[in-house]
Amino acid sequence: MASAKSNYIDNMIKQYGENWIVALSPEDIQRSSKRIVKEMVRGFIDYEKYGQYFLDGKFIGNLIVAINNEYELNSLHYNALCLYRNTYPMVPNLSIHINHDYVMCIIYGTILQKLQMVENTQNVGWMMDTAALLGQYKAHLI
């Protein structure tokens, strides 16, 4: 399911051409990872049309690095908040923050696993159901 709205890959093709990955540094790709994750969750990326870019080692490798970092950070926040709740159970709204970090772990963990499968198998098909699996959580991505 792809949107008519211009996505990250469309913008990169317009700006740099079909070989846009060559023009980007690893840091550029990593900085864009949050936007790419949002677009994956919202179903804005057509993997049949743009799947070739997910097979590029530079692109997928740097996405994996950035998404793994976000997953680890959200896991750390989640675990810290759970420990904090055990010590201070009456803190208002703490459960809301715990739930948010839990959902972010689901989002980043699922996408991380899917990207690792794509990298290992060279099969973009692993990405096809991403929006269907994670679409219910899109409100958590600001």
N, C-alpha and C. Protein backbone atom coordinates (compact mmCIF):
# COMPACT_ATOMS: atom_id res chain seq x y z
N MET A 1 0.84 -1.17 0.00
CA MET A 1 0.00 0.00 0.00
C MET A 1 0.88 1.23 0.00
N ALA A 2 0.88 1.97 -1.05
CA ALA A 2 1.71 3.16 -1.14
C ALA A 2 0.83 4.39 -1.26
N SER A 3 1.31 5.45 -0.72
CA SER A 3 0.56 6.69 -0.75
C SER A 3 0.95 7.53 -1.96
N ALA A 4 0.04 8.39 -2.38
CA ALA A 4 0.34 9.31 -3.47
C ALA A 4 1.27 10.41 -2.97
N LYS A 5 1.36 10.57 -1.67
CA LYS A 5 2.23 11.57 -1.07
C LYS A 5 3.69 11.21 -1.36
N SER A 6 4.49 12.22 -1.62
CA SER A 6 5.91 12.00 -1.91
C SER A 6 6.60 11.48 -0.66
N ASN A 7 7.34 10.41 -0.80
CA ASN A 7 8.05 9.84 0.34
C ASN A 7 9.55 10.13 0.25
N TYR A 8 10.28 9.61 1.23
CA TYR A 8 11.72 9.83 1.31
C TYR A 8 12.43 9.41 0.03
N ILE A 9 12.12 8.22 -0.46
CA ILE A 9 12.81 7.71 -1.64
C ILE A 9 12.48 8.55 -2.87
N ASP A 10 11.20 8.92 -3.03
CA ASP A 10 10.82 9.82 -4.14
C ASP A 10 11.64 11.11 -4.09
N ASN A 11 11.74 11.68 -2.89
CA ASN A 11 12.49 12.93 -2.74
C ASN A 11 13.97 12.76 -3.09
N MET A 12 14.55 11.65 -2.68
CA MET A 12 15.96 11.41 -2.97
C MET A 12 16.18 11.22 -4.48
N ILE A 13 15.26 10.52 -5.14
CA ILE A 13 15.37 10.32 -6.59
C ILE A 13 15.26 11.66 -7.31
N LYS A 14 14.32 12.50 -6.88
CA LYS A 14 14.16 13.83 -7.49
C LYS A 14 15.40 14.69 -7.29
N GLN A 15 15.99 14.59 -6.10
CA GLN A 15 17.14 15.43 -5.77
C GLN A 15 18.44 14.94 -6.39
N TYR A 16 18.67 13.60 -6.38
CA TYR A 16 19.98 13.07 -6.78
C TYR A 16 19.93 12.12 -7.97
N GLY A 17 18.74 11.72 -8.41
CA GLY A 17 18.64 10.76 -9.50
C GLY A 17 18.52 9.34 -8.98
N GLU A 18 18.46 8.39 -9.91
CA GLU A 18 18.24 6.98 -9.58
C GLU A 18 19.34 6.40 -8.68
N ASN A 19 20.55 6.91 -8.77
CA ASN A 19 21.67 6.43 -7.95
C ASN A 19 21.87 7.30 -6.71
N TRP A 20 20.80 7.72 -6.10
CA TRP A 20 20.84 8.66 -4.98
C TRP A 20 21.61 8.16 -3.77
N ILE A 21 21.68 6.86 -3.58
CA ILE A 21 22.38 6.33 -2.40
C ILE A 21 23.86 6.69 -2.44
N VAL A 22 24.44 6.73 -3.63
CA VAL A 22 25.85 7.08 -3.78
C VAL A 22 26.12 8.50 -3.27
N ALA A 23 25.15 9.39 -3.43
CA ALA A 23 25.32 10.79 -3.05
C ALA A 23 25.22 11.01 -1.54
N LEU A 24 24.71 10.03 -0.81
CA LEU A 24 24.50 10.20 0.63
C LEU A 24 25.62 9.57 1.43
N SER A 25 25.92 10.22 2.56
CA SER A 25 26.88 9.63 3.49
C SER A 25 26.12 8.66 4.41
N PRO A 26 26.84 7.78 5.07
CA PRO A 26 26.17 6.90 6.04
C PRO A 26 25.38 7.70 7.09
N GLU A 27 25.93 8.82 7.50
CA GLU A 27 25.26 9.66 8.49
C GLU A 27 23.95 10.22 7.95
N ASP A 28 23.93 10.58 6.66
CA ASP A 28 22.69 11.08 6.04
C ASP A 28 21.59 10.03 6.11
N ILE A 29 21.94 8.81 5.80
CA ILE A 29 20.96 7.71 5.83
C ILE A 29 20.49 7.48 7.26
N GLN A 30 21.42 7.46 8.20
CA GLN A 30 21.07 7.23 9.59
C GLN A 30 20.18 8.35 10.15
N ARG A 31 20.48 9.59 9.77
CA ARG A 31 19.66 10.72 10.22
C ARG A 31 18.23 10.64 9.67
N SER A 32 18.08 10.05 8.52
CA SER A 32 16.77 9.95 7.88
C SER A 32 15.98 8.73 8.36
N SER A 33 16.57 7.92 9.21
CA SER A 33 15.93 6.65 9.58
C SER A 33 14.57 6.84 10.26
N LYS A 34 14.41 7.87 11.08
CA LYS A 34 13.12 8.08 11.75
C LYS A 34 12.03 8.38 10.73
N ARG A 35 12.36 9.19 9.74
CA ARG A 35 11.38 9.49 8.69
C ARG A 35 11.04 8.22 7.91
N ILE A 36 12.05 7.43 7.60
CA ILE A 36 11.83 6.20 6.84
C ILE A 36 10.96 5.24 7.64
N VAL A 37 11.20 5.13 8.93
CA VAL A 37 10.38 4.27 9.79
C VAL A 37 8.93 4.74 9.78
N LYS A 38 8.72 6.05 9.93
CA LYS A 38 7.35 6.59 9.88
C LYS A 38 6.66 6.22 8.58
N GLU A 39 7.39 6.35 7.48
CA GLU A 39 6.80 6.04 6.18
C GLU A 39 6.54 4.55 6.03
N MET A 40 7.38 3.71 6.60
CA MET A 40 7.14 2.27 6.58
C MET A 40 5.86 1.93 7.34
N VAL A 41 5.73 2.48 8.53
CA VAL A 41 4.59 2.19 9.39
C VAL A 41 3.30 2.72 8.77
N ARG A 42 3.37 3.86 8.13
CA ARG A 42 2.18 4.47 7.53
C ARG A 42 1.86 3.92 6.14
N GLY A 43 2.72 3.05 5.63
CA GLY A 43 2.47 2.43 4.33
C GLY A 43 2.78 3.32 3.15
N PHE A 44 3.69 4.26 3.31
CA PHE A 44 4.03 5.20 2.25
C PHE A 44 5.13 4.69 1.32
N ILE A 45 5.69 3.52 1.60
CA ILE A 45 6.77 2.99 0.76
C ILE A 45 6.26 1.79 -0.02
N ASP A 46 6.39 1.87 -1.32
CA ASP A 46 5.99 0.78 -2.22
C ASP A 46 7.23 -0.10 -2.42
N TYR A 47 7.25 -1.24 -1.76
CA TYR A 47 8.43 -2.11 -1.80
C TYR A 47 8.61 -2.78 -3.16
N GLU A 48 7.54 -2.92 -3.91
CA GLU A 48 7.67 -3.46 -5.26
C GLU A 48 8.39 -2.47 -6.16
N LYS A 49 8.10 -1.20 -5.96
CA LYS A 49 8.71 -0.14 -6.78
C LYS A 49 10.11 0.21 -6.30
N TYR A 50 10.30 0.27 -4.99
CA TYR A 50 11.56 0.76 -4.43
C TYR A 50 12.37 -0.31 -3.69
N GLY A 51 11.98 -1.55 -3.80
CA GLY A 51 12.65 -2.63 -3.10
C GLY A 51 14.13 -2.74 -3.40
N GLN A 52 14.51 -2.38 -4.62
CA GLN A 52 15.92 -2.47 -5.01
C GLN A 52 16.82 -1.67 -4.08
N TYR A 53 16.32 -0.56 -3.56
CA TYR A 53 17.14 0.28 -2.68
C TYR A 53 17.37 -0.40 -1.33
N PHE A 54 16.42 -1.23 -0.91
CA PHE A 54 16.57 -1.95 0.35
C PHE A 54 17.55 -3.12 0.21
N LEU A 55 17.95 -3.43 -1.01
CA LEU A 55 18.95 -4.46 -1.23
C LEU A 55 20.36 -3.88 -1.32
N ASP A 56 20.45 -2.56 -1.34
CA ASP A 56 21.76 -1.89 -1.38
C ASP A 56 22.40 -1.99 0.00
N GLY A 57 23.59 -2.52 0.08
CA GLY A 57 24.28 -2.74 1.35
C GLY A 57 24.49 -1.48 2.16
N LYS A 58 24.84 -0.40 1.51
CA LYS A 58 25.06 0.87 2.21
C LYS A 58 23.76 1.37 2.83
N PHE A 59 22.68 1.31 2.06
CA PHE A 59 21.40 1.82 2.54
C PHE A 59 20.86 0.97 3.69
N ILE A 60 20.73 -0.33 3.47
CA ILE A 60 20.14 -1.18 4.50
C ILE A 60 21.04 -1.30 5.72
N GLY A 61 22.35 -1.33 5.50
CA GLY A 61 23.29 -1.42 6.62
C GLY A 61 23.17 -0.23 7.56
N ASN A 62 23.08 0.96 6.98
CA ASN A 62 22.97 2.16 7.81
C ASN A 62 21.59 2.31 8.43
N LEU A 63 20.57 1.84 7.73
CA LEU A 63 19.23 1.81 8.35
C LEU A 63 19.24 0.89 9.56
N ILE A 64 19.85 -0.27 9.41
CA ILE A 64 19.90 -1.22 10.52
C ILE A 64 20.64 -0.62 11.71
N VAL A 65 21.75 0.05 11.47
CA VAL A 65 22.51 0.67 12.56
C VAL A 65 21.64 1.69 13.31
N ALA A 66 20.99 2.57 12.57
CA ALA A 66 20.18 3.62 13.19
C ALA A 66 18.96 3.05 13.90
N ILE A 67 18.30 2.10 13.28
CA ILE A 67 17.09 1.52 13.87
C ILE A 67 17.45 0.68 15.09
N ASN A 68 18.57 -0.01 15.06
CA ASN A 68 19.03 -0.74 16.24
C ASN A 68 19.32 0.22 17.38
N ASN A 69 19.93 1.36 17.09
CA ASN A 69 20.20 2.35 18.13
C ASN A 69 18.90 2.85 18.76
N GLU A 70 17.89 3.13 17.93
CA GLU A 70 16.60 3.58 18.44
C GLU A 70 15.92 2.48 19.26
N TYR A 71 16.03 1.26 18.79
CA TYR A 71 15.45 0.14 19.53
C TYR A 71 16.10 0.01 20.91
N GLU A 72 17.42 0.09 20.95
CA GLU A 72 18.13 -0.01 22.23
C GLU A 72 17.76 1.14 23.16
N LEU A 73 17.66 2.34 22.62
CA LEU A 73 17.32 3.51 23.42
C LEU A 73 15.91 3.40 23.98
N ASN A 74 14.96 3.00 23.16
CA ASN A 74 13.59 2.84 23.63
C ASN A 74 13.48 1.70 24.64
N SER A 75 14.23 0.63 24.45
CA SER A 75 14.25 -0.47 25.41
C SER A 75 14.80 -0.02 26.76
N LEU A 76 15.85 0.78 26.69
CA LEU A 76 16.44 1.32 27.92
C LEU A 76 15.45 2.21 28.64
N HIS A 77 14.77 3.10 27.91
CA HIS A 77 13.76 3.98 28.52
C HIS A 77 12.64 3.14 29.15
N TYR A 78 12.16 2.17 28.42
CA TYR A 78 11.08 1.32 28.90
C TYR A 78 11.48 0.62 30.20
N ASN A 79 12.64 0.00 30.21
CA ASN A 79 13.10 -0.72 31.41
C ASN A 79 13.33 0.23 32.58
N ALA A 80 13.88 1.40 32.30
CA ALA A 80 14.11 2.38 33.37
C ALA A 80 12.79 2.87 33.96
N LEU A 81 11.81 3.12 33.10
CA LEU A 81 10.51 3.58 33.60
C LEU A 81 9.80 2.48 34.40
N CYS A 82 9.96 1.25 33.98
CA CYS A 82 9.37 0.14 34.75
C CYS A 82 10.00 0.04 36.13
N LEU A 83 11.31 0.20 36.22
CA LEU A 83 11.99 0.20 37.52
C LEU A 83 11.54 1.39 38.36
N TYR A 84 11.41 2.54 37.73
CA TYR A 84 10.97 3.75 38.43
C TYR A 84 9.57 3.55 38.99
N ARG A 85 8.68 2.92 38.19
CA ARG A 85 7.30 2.67 38.64
C ARG A 85 7.30 1.75 39.86
N ASN A 86 8.22 0.79 39.90
CA ASN A 86 8.30 -0.10 41.06
C ASN A 86 8.68 0.66 42.32
N THR A 87 9.50 1.69 42.18
CA THR A 87 9.94 2.47 43.33
C THR A 87 8.93 3.55 43.69
N TYR A 88 8.35 4.19 42.68
CA TYR A 88 7.40 5.29 42.88
C TYR A 88 6.10 4.98 42.12
N PRO A 89 5.29 4.09 42.65
CA PRO A 89 4.11 3.63 41.91
C PRO A 89 3.01 4.68 41.72
N MET A 90 3.04 5.75 42.44
CA MET A 90 1.95 6.73 42.37
C MET A 90 2.25 7.93 41.46
N VAL A 91 3.30 7.87 40.68
CA VAL A 91 3.63 8.98 39.78
C VAL A 91 2.55 9.07 38.71
N PRO A 92 1.92 10.24 38.57
CA PRO A 92 0.85 10.39 37.56
C PRO A 92 1.39 10.25 36.13
N ASN A 93 0.59 9.66 35.29
CA ASN A 93 0.87 9.53 33.85
C ASN A 93 2.07 8.66 33.52
N LEU A 94 2.66 8.01 34.48
CA LEU A 94 3.83 7.18 34.21
C LEU A 94 3.48 6.02 33.28
N SER A 95 2.31 5.47 33.46
CA SER A 95 1.89 4.35 32.61
C SER A 95 1.79 4.75 31.14
N ILE A 96 1.41 5.99 30.89
CA ILE A 96 1.34 6.49 29.51
C ILE A 96 2.72 6.46 28.88
N HIS A 97 3.72 6.91 29.61
CA HIS A 97 5.10 6.93 29.10
C HIS A 97 5.65 5.51 28.93
N ILE A 98 5.31 4.65 29.87
CA ILE A 98 5.76 3.26 29.76
C ILE A 98 5.14 2.61 28.52
N ASN A 99 3.86 2.83 28.32
CA ASN A 99 3.19 2.27 27.14
C ASN A 99 3.80 2.81 25.85
N HIS A 100 4.08 4.11 25.81
CA HIS A 100 4.67 4.70 24.60
C HIS A 100 6.02 4.04 24.28
N ASP A 101 6.87 3.92 25.28
CA ASP A 101 8.18 3.31 25.04
C ASP A 101 8.05 1.84 24.65
N TYR A 102 7.06 1.16 25.23
CA TYR A 102 6.81 -0.24 24.86
C TYR A 102 6.42 -0.34 23.38
N VAL A 103 5.52 0.53 22.95
CA VAL A 103 5.09 0.54 21.55
C VAL A 103 6.26 0.88 20.63
N MET A 104 7.09 1.82 21.03
CA MET A 104 8.25 2.17 20.21
C MET A 104 9.20 0.98 20.10
N CYS A 105 9.31 0.18 21.15
CA CYS A 105 10.12 -1.05 21.08
C CYS A 105 9.51 -2.03 20.08
N ILE A 106 8.20 -2.13 20.08
CA ILE A 106 7.54 -3.01 19.11
C ILE A 106 7.83 -2.54 17.69
N ILE A 107 7.66 -1.24 17.44
CA ILE A 107 7.86 -0.69 16.11
C ILE A 107 9.30 -0.91 15.65
N TYR A 108 10.25 -0.43 16.43
CA TYR A 108 11.65 -0.52 16.01
C TYR A 108 12.15 -1.96 16.01
N GLY A 109 11.71 -2.77 16.95
CA GLY A 109 12.12 -4.16 16.98
C GLY A 109 11.61 -4.94 15.78
N THR A 110 10.37 -4.71 15.41
CA THR A 110 9.79 -5.40 14.26
C THR A 110 10.49 -5.00 12.97
N ILE A 111 10.69 -3.69 12.79
CA ILE A 111 11.36 -3.23 11.57
C ILE A 111 12.81 -3.69 11.54
N LEU A 112 13.47 -3.68 12.66
CA LEU A 112 14.85 -4.17 12.73
C LEU A 112 14.93 -5.63 12.28
N GLN A 113 14.04 -6.47 12.80
CA GLN A 113 14.04 -7.88 12.41
C GLN A 113 13.77 -8.04 10.92
N LYS A 114 12.83 -7.28 10.40
CA LYS A 114 12.50 -7.38 8.98
C LYS A 114 13.67 -6.94 8.11
N LEU A 115 14.33 -5.85 8.48
CA LEU A 115 15.48 -5.38 7.70
C LEU A 115 16.63 -6.38 7.77
N GLN A 116 16.83 -6.99 8.91
CA GLN A 116 17.88 -8.00 9.02
C GLN A 116 17.57 -9.21 8.15
N MET A 117 16.30 -9.58 8.06
CA MET A 117 15.91 -10.69 7.18
C MET A 117 16.13 -10.31 5.71
N VAL A 118 15.81 -9.07 5.35
CA VAL A 118 16.05 -8.62 3.98
C VAL A 118 17.54 -8.67 3.68
N GLU A 119 18.35 -8.18 4.61
CA GLU A 119 19.80 -8.17 4.42
C GLU A 119 20.34 -9.60 4.29
N ASN A 120 19.84 -10.51 5.09
CA ASN A 120 20.34 -11.88 5.09
C ASN A 120 19.87 -12.70 3.89
N THR A 121 18.64 -12.44 3.44
CA THR A 121 18.07 -13.26 2.37
C THR A 121 18.04 -12.57 1.01
N GLN A 122 18.28 -11.25 1.00
CA GLN A 122 18.17 -10.44 -0.22
C GLN A 122 16.76 -10.56 -0.82
N ASN A 123 15.76 -10.63 0.07
CA ASN A 123 14.37 -10.74 -0.34
C ASN A 123 13.56 -9.64 0.33
N VAL A 124 13.15 -8.64 -0.45
CA VAL A 124 12.41 -7.49 0.07
C VAL A 124 11.00 -7.89 0.50
N GLY A 125 10.57 -9.07 0.13
CA GLY A 125 9.26 -9.54 0.53
C GLY A 125 9.01 -9.49 2.02
N TRP A 126 10.06 -9.56 2.80
CA TRP A 126 9.94 -9.48 4.26
C TRP A 126 9.33 -8.16 4.71
N MET A 127 9.42 -7.12 3.88
CA MET A 127 8.93 -5.79 4.26
C MET A 127 7.46 -5.58 3.93
N MET A 128 6.90 -6.41 3.09
CA MET A 128 5.58 -6.16 2.52
C MET A 128 4.46 -5.95 3.54
N ASP A 129 4.48 -6.64 4.66
CA ASP A 129 3.39 -6.53 5.62
C ASP A 129 3.69 -5.58 6.77
N THR A 130 4.72 -4.77 6.64
CA THR A 130 5.13 -3.87 7.72
C THR A 130 4.01 -2.93 8.14
N ALA A 131 3.40 -2.25 7.20
CA ALA A 131 2.33 -1.30 7.53
C ALA A 131 1.13 -2.01 8.14
N ALA A 132 0.82 -3.21 7.65
CA ALA A 132 -0.32 -3.95 8.21
C ALA A 132 -0.05 -4.37 9.65
N LEU A 133 1.18 -4.76 9.94
CA LEU A 133 1.54 -5.19 11.30
C LEU A 133 1.62 -4.02 12.28
N LEU A 134 2.13 -2.89 11.79
CA LEU A 134 2.44 -1.79 12.71
C LEU A 134 1.54 -0.57 12.57
N GLY A 135 0.66 -0.57 11.60
CA GLY A 135 -0.20 0.59 11.36
C GLY A 135 -0.99 1.05 12.56
N GLN A 136 -1.37 0.13 13.41
CA GLN A 136 -2.13 0.49 14.61
C GLN A 136 -1.34 1.36 15.57
N TYR A 137 -0.02 1.39 15.41
CA TYR A 137 0.83 2.16 16.32
C TYR A 137 1.30 3.49 15.73
N LYS A 138 0.83 3.85 14.54
CA LYS A 138 1.38 5.03 13.85
C LYS A 138 1.20 6.32 14.63
N ALA A 139 0.22 6.40 15.51
CA ALA A 139 0.02 7.62 16.31
C ALA A 139 1.18 7.86 17.28
N HIS A 140 1.94 6.82 17.58
CA HIS A 140 3.08 6.98 18.50
C HIS A 140 4.29 7.61 17.82
N LEU A 141 4.28 7.63 16.50
CA LEU A 141 5.40 8.21 15.75
C LEU A 141 5.09 9.68 15.48
N ILE A 142 5.76 10.53 16.18
CA ILE A 142 5.51 11.96 16.07
C ILE A 142 6.34 12.57 14.97
